[in-house]
Amino acid sequence: MRRDIIDLFACPICKGDLVIDFISKEDGDEIIEGGLCCSRCKEHYPIENGVVILLPPDTR
């Protein structure tokens, strides 16, 4: 996932802004492994193999 597109995503639960929570693997501006966090409801969304998983927690 490219850093410059994070602001295009919103939390599927509350529609809050998503921010980078942590990065465990990256390649330049590409986040390979890590996580995003909702700034409003604090729900976490993993980034796996460069893809953010935006499924609600009860469906993951």
N, C-alpha and C. Protein backbone atom coordinates (compact mmCIF):
# COMPACT_ATOMS: atom_id res chain seq x y z
N MET A 1 0.86 -1.17 0.00
CA MET A 1 0.00 0.00 0.00
C MET A 1 0.90 1.23 0.00
N ARG A 2 0.64 2.13 -0.91
CA ARG A 2 1.42 3.37 -0.97
C ARG A 2 0.95 4.35 0.10
N ARG A 3 1.91 4.99 0.74
CA ARG A 3 1.58 5.95 1.79
C ARG A 3 0.69 7.09 1.29
N ASP A 4 0.89 7.50 0.05
CA ASP A 4 0.18 8.68 -0.45
C ASP A 4 -1.30 8.45 -0.73
N ILE A 5 -1.80 7.21 -0.59
CA ILE A 5 -3.23 6.97 -0.82
C ILE A 5 -4.00 6.67 0.46
N ILE A 6 -3.32 6.68 1.60
CA ILE A 6 -3.99 6.35 2.87
C ILE A 6 -5.16 7.29 3.14
N ASP A 7 -5.02 8.56 2.77
CA ASP A 7 -6.11 9.51 3.05
C ASP A 7 -7.34 9.29 2.18
N LEU A 8 -7.28 8.36 1.23
CA LEU A 8 -8.45 8.01 0.41
C LEU A 8 -9.36 7.00 1.11
N PHE A 9 -8.85 6.36 2.16
CA PHE A 9 -9.59 5.32 2.87
C PHE A 9 -10.26 5.89 4.12
N ALA A 10 -11.37 5.25 4.51
CA ALA A 10 -12.07 5.62 5.75
C ALA A 10 -12.42 4.34 6.50
N CYS A 11 -12.58 4.47 7.79
CA CYS A 11 -12.98 3.34 8.63
C CYS A 11 -14.35 2.85 8.18
N PRO A 12 -14.50 1.54 7.92
CA PRO A 12 -15.80 1.02 7.49
C PRO A 12 -16.85 1.03 8.60
N ILE A 13 -16.42 1.21 9.83
CA ILE A 13 -17.36 1.20 10.96
C ILE A 13 -17.93 2.60 11.22
N CYS A 14 -17.05 3.59 11.38
CA CYS A 14 -17.52 4.93 11.76
C CYS A 14 -17.20 6.01 10.73
N LYS A 15 -16.52 5.64 9.66
CA LYS A 15 -16.13 6.56 8.58
C LYS A 15 -15.06 7.57 8.99
N GLY A 16 -14.36 7.29 10.11
CA GLY A 16 -13.27 8.16 10.55
C GLY A 16 -12.04 8.02 9.68
N ASP A 17 -11.10 8.95 9.82
CA ASP A 17 -9.85 8.92 9.08
C ASP A 17 -8.96 7.79 9.59
N LEU A 18 -8.24 7.14 8.66
CA LEU A 18 -7.28 6.11 9.03
C LEU A 18 -5.89 6.70 9.02
N VAL A 19 -5.09 6.32 10.02
CA VAL A 19 -3.71 6.77 10.13
C VAL A 19 -2.82 5.56 10.31
N ILE A 20 -1.53 5.72 9.98
CA ILE A 20 -0.58 4.62 10.15
C ILE A 20 -0.41 4.34 11.64
N ASP A 21 -0.62 3.10 12.04
CA ASP A 21 -0.43 2.67 13.42
C ASP A 21 1.00 2.15 13.60
N PHE A 22 1.43 1.27 12.70
CA PHE A 22 2.80 0.75 12.75
C PHE A 22 3.18 0.21 11.37
N ILE A 23 4.49 0.13 11.15
CA ILE A 23 5.03 -0.45 9.93
C ILE A 23 6.08 -1.47 10.34
N SER A 24 5.91 -2.72 9.90
CA SER A 24 6.92 -3.72 10.21
C SER A 24 7.77 -4.08 8.99
N LYS A 25 7.28 -3.74 7.79
CA LYS A 25 8.07 -3.97 6.57
C LYS A 25 7.64 -2.96 5.53
N GLU A 26 8.63 -2.30 4.91
CA GLU A 26 8.32 -1.33 3.87
C GLU A 26 9.38 -1.38 2.78
N ASP A 27 9.03 -0.83 1.63
CA ASP A 27 9.94 -0.75 0.49
C ASP A 27 9.73 0.62 -0.15
N GLY A 28 10.58 1.57 0.20
CA GLY A 28 10.40 2.95 -0.27
C GLY A 28 9.14 3.54 0.33
N ASP A 29 8.23 4.01 -0.52
CA ASP A 29 6.96 4.58 -0.05
C ASP A 29 5.87 3.53 0.07
N GLU A 30 6.20 2.28 -0.15
CA GLU A 30 5.22 1.19 -0.12
C GLU A 30 5.27 0.50 1.25
N ILE A 31 4.12 0.41 1.92
CA ILE A 31 4.03 -0.33 3.19
C ILE A 31 3.64 -1.76 2.83
N ILE A 32 4.50 -2.71 3.17
CA ILE A 32 4.27 -4.11 2.85
C ILE A 32 3.52 -4.80 3.99
N GLU A 33 3.96 -4.59 5.21
CA GLU A 33 3.33 -5.16 6.40
C GLU A 33 3.21 -4.07 7.45
N GLY A 34 2.07 -4.02 8.11
CA GLY A 34 1.87 -3.02 9.15
C GLY A 34 0.41 -2.92 9.53
N GLY A 35 -0.01 -1.74 9.93
CA GLY A 35 -1.40 -1.57 10.33
C GLY A 35 -1.82 -0.12 10.30
N LEU A 36 -3.12 0.06 10.10
CA LEU A 36 -3.74 1.38 10.17
C LEU A 36 -4.67 1.39 11.38
N CYS A 37 -4.94 2.58 11.88
CA CYS A 37 -5.84 2.75 13.03
C CYS A 37 -6.80 3.88 12.72
N CYS A 38 -8.05 3.71 13.12
CA CYS A 38 -9.05 4.77 12.94
C CYS A 38 -8.82 5.84 14.00
N SER A 39 -8.77 7.09 13.56
CA SER A 39 -8.53 8.19 14.50
C SER A 39 -9.75 8.47 15.37
N ARG A 40 -10.92 7.98 14.97
CA ARG A 40 -12.14 8.23 15.73
C ARG A 40 -12.47 7.08 16.69
N CYS A 41 -12.68 5.86 16.16
CA CYS A 41 -13.12 4.74 17.01
C CYS A 41 -11.98 3.85 17.49
N LYS A 42 -10.76 4.08 16.98
CA LYS A 42 -9.54 3.37 17.40
C LYS A 42 -9.49 1.92 16.95
N GLU A 43 -10.33 1.52 16.00
CA GLU A 43 -10.26 0.16 15.45
C GLU A 43 -9.00 0.03 14.60
N HIS A 44 -8.42 -1.17 14.60
CA HIS A 44 -7.18 -1.43 13.87
C HIS A 44 -7.45 -2.26 12.62
N TYR A 45 -6.70 -1.96 11.55
CA TYR A 45 -6.82 -2.67 10.28
C TYR A 45 -5.42 -3.06 9.80
N PRO A 46 -5.18 -4.36 9.59
CA PRO A 46 -3.85 -4.81 9.19
C PRO A 46 -3.55 -4.50 7.72
N ILE A 47 -2.27 -4.35 7.44
CA ILE A 47 -1.77 -4.28 6.07
C ILE A 47 -0.95 -5.55 5.87
N GLU A 48 -1.37 -6.39 4.93
CA GLU A 48 -0.71 -7.67 4.67
C GLU A 48 -0.34 -7.76 3.20
N ASN A 49 0.93 -8.03 2.93
CA ASN A 49 1.42 -8.13 1.55
C ASN A 49 1.05 -6.90 0.72
N GLY A 50 1.09 -5.73 1.34
CA GLY A 50 0.82 -4.48 0.64
C GLY A 50 -0.64 -4.13 0.49
N VAL A 51 -1.54 -4.92 1.09
CA VAL A 51 -2.98 -4.70 0.96
C VAL A 51 -3.59 -4.45 2.34
N VAL A 52 -4.32 -3.33 2.48
CA VAL A 52 -4.99 -3.07 3.75
C VAL A 52 -6.29 -3.88 3.79
N ILE A 53 -6.52 -4.53 4.93
CA ILE A 53 -7.71 -5.36 5.13
C ILE A 53 -8.74 -4.50 5.86
N LEU A 54 -9.75 -4.02 5.13
CA LEU A 54 -10.74 -3.11 5.70
C LEU A 54 -12.03 -3.80 6.10
N LEU A 55 -11.97 -5.10 6.32
CA LEU A 55 -13.15 -5.82 6.79
C LEU A 55 -13.42 -5.45 8.25
N PRO A 56 -14.68 -5.33 8.65
CA PRO A 56 -14.98 -5.12 10.06
C PRO A 56 -14.41 -6.27 10.90
N PRO A 57 -14.04 -6.01 12.14
CA PRO A 57 -13.37 -7.01 12.97
C PRO A 57 -14.13 -8.34 13.10
N ASP A 58 -15.45 -8.30 13.14
CA ASP A 58 -16.21 -9.54 13.33
C ASP A 58 -16.27 -10.40 12.07
N THR A 59 -15.78 -9.90 10.94
CA THR A 59 -15.78 -10.70 9.70
C THR A 59 -14.38 -11.10 9.26
N ARG A 60 -13.35 -10.75 10.01
CA ARG A 60 -11.98 -11.12 9.64
C ARG A 60 -11.66 -12.52 10.04
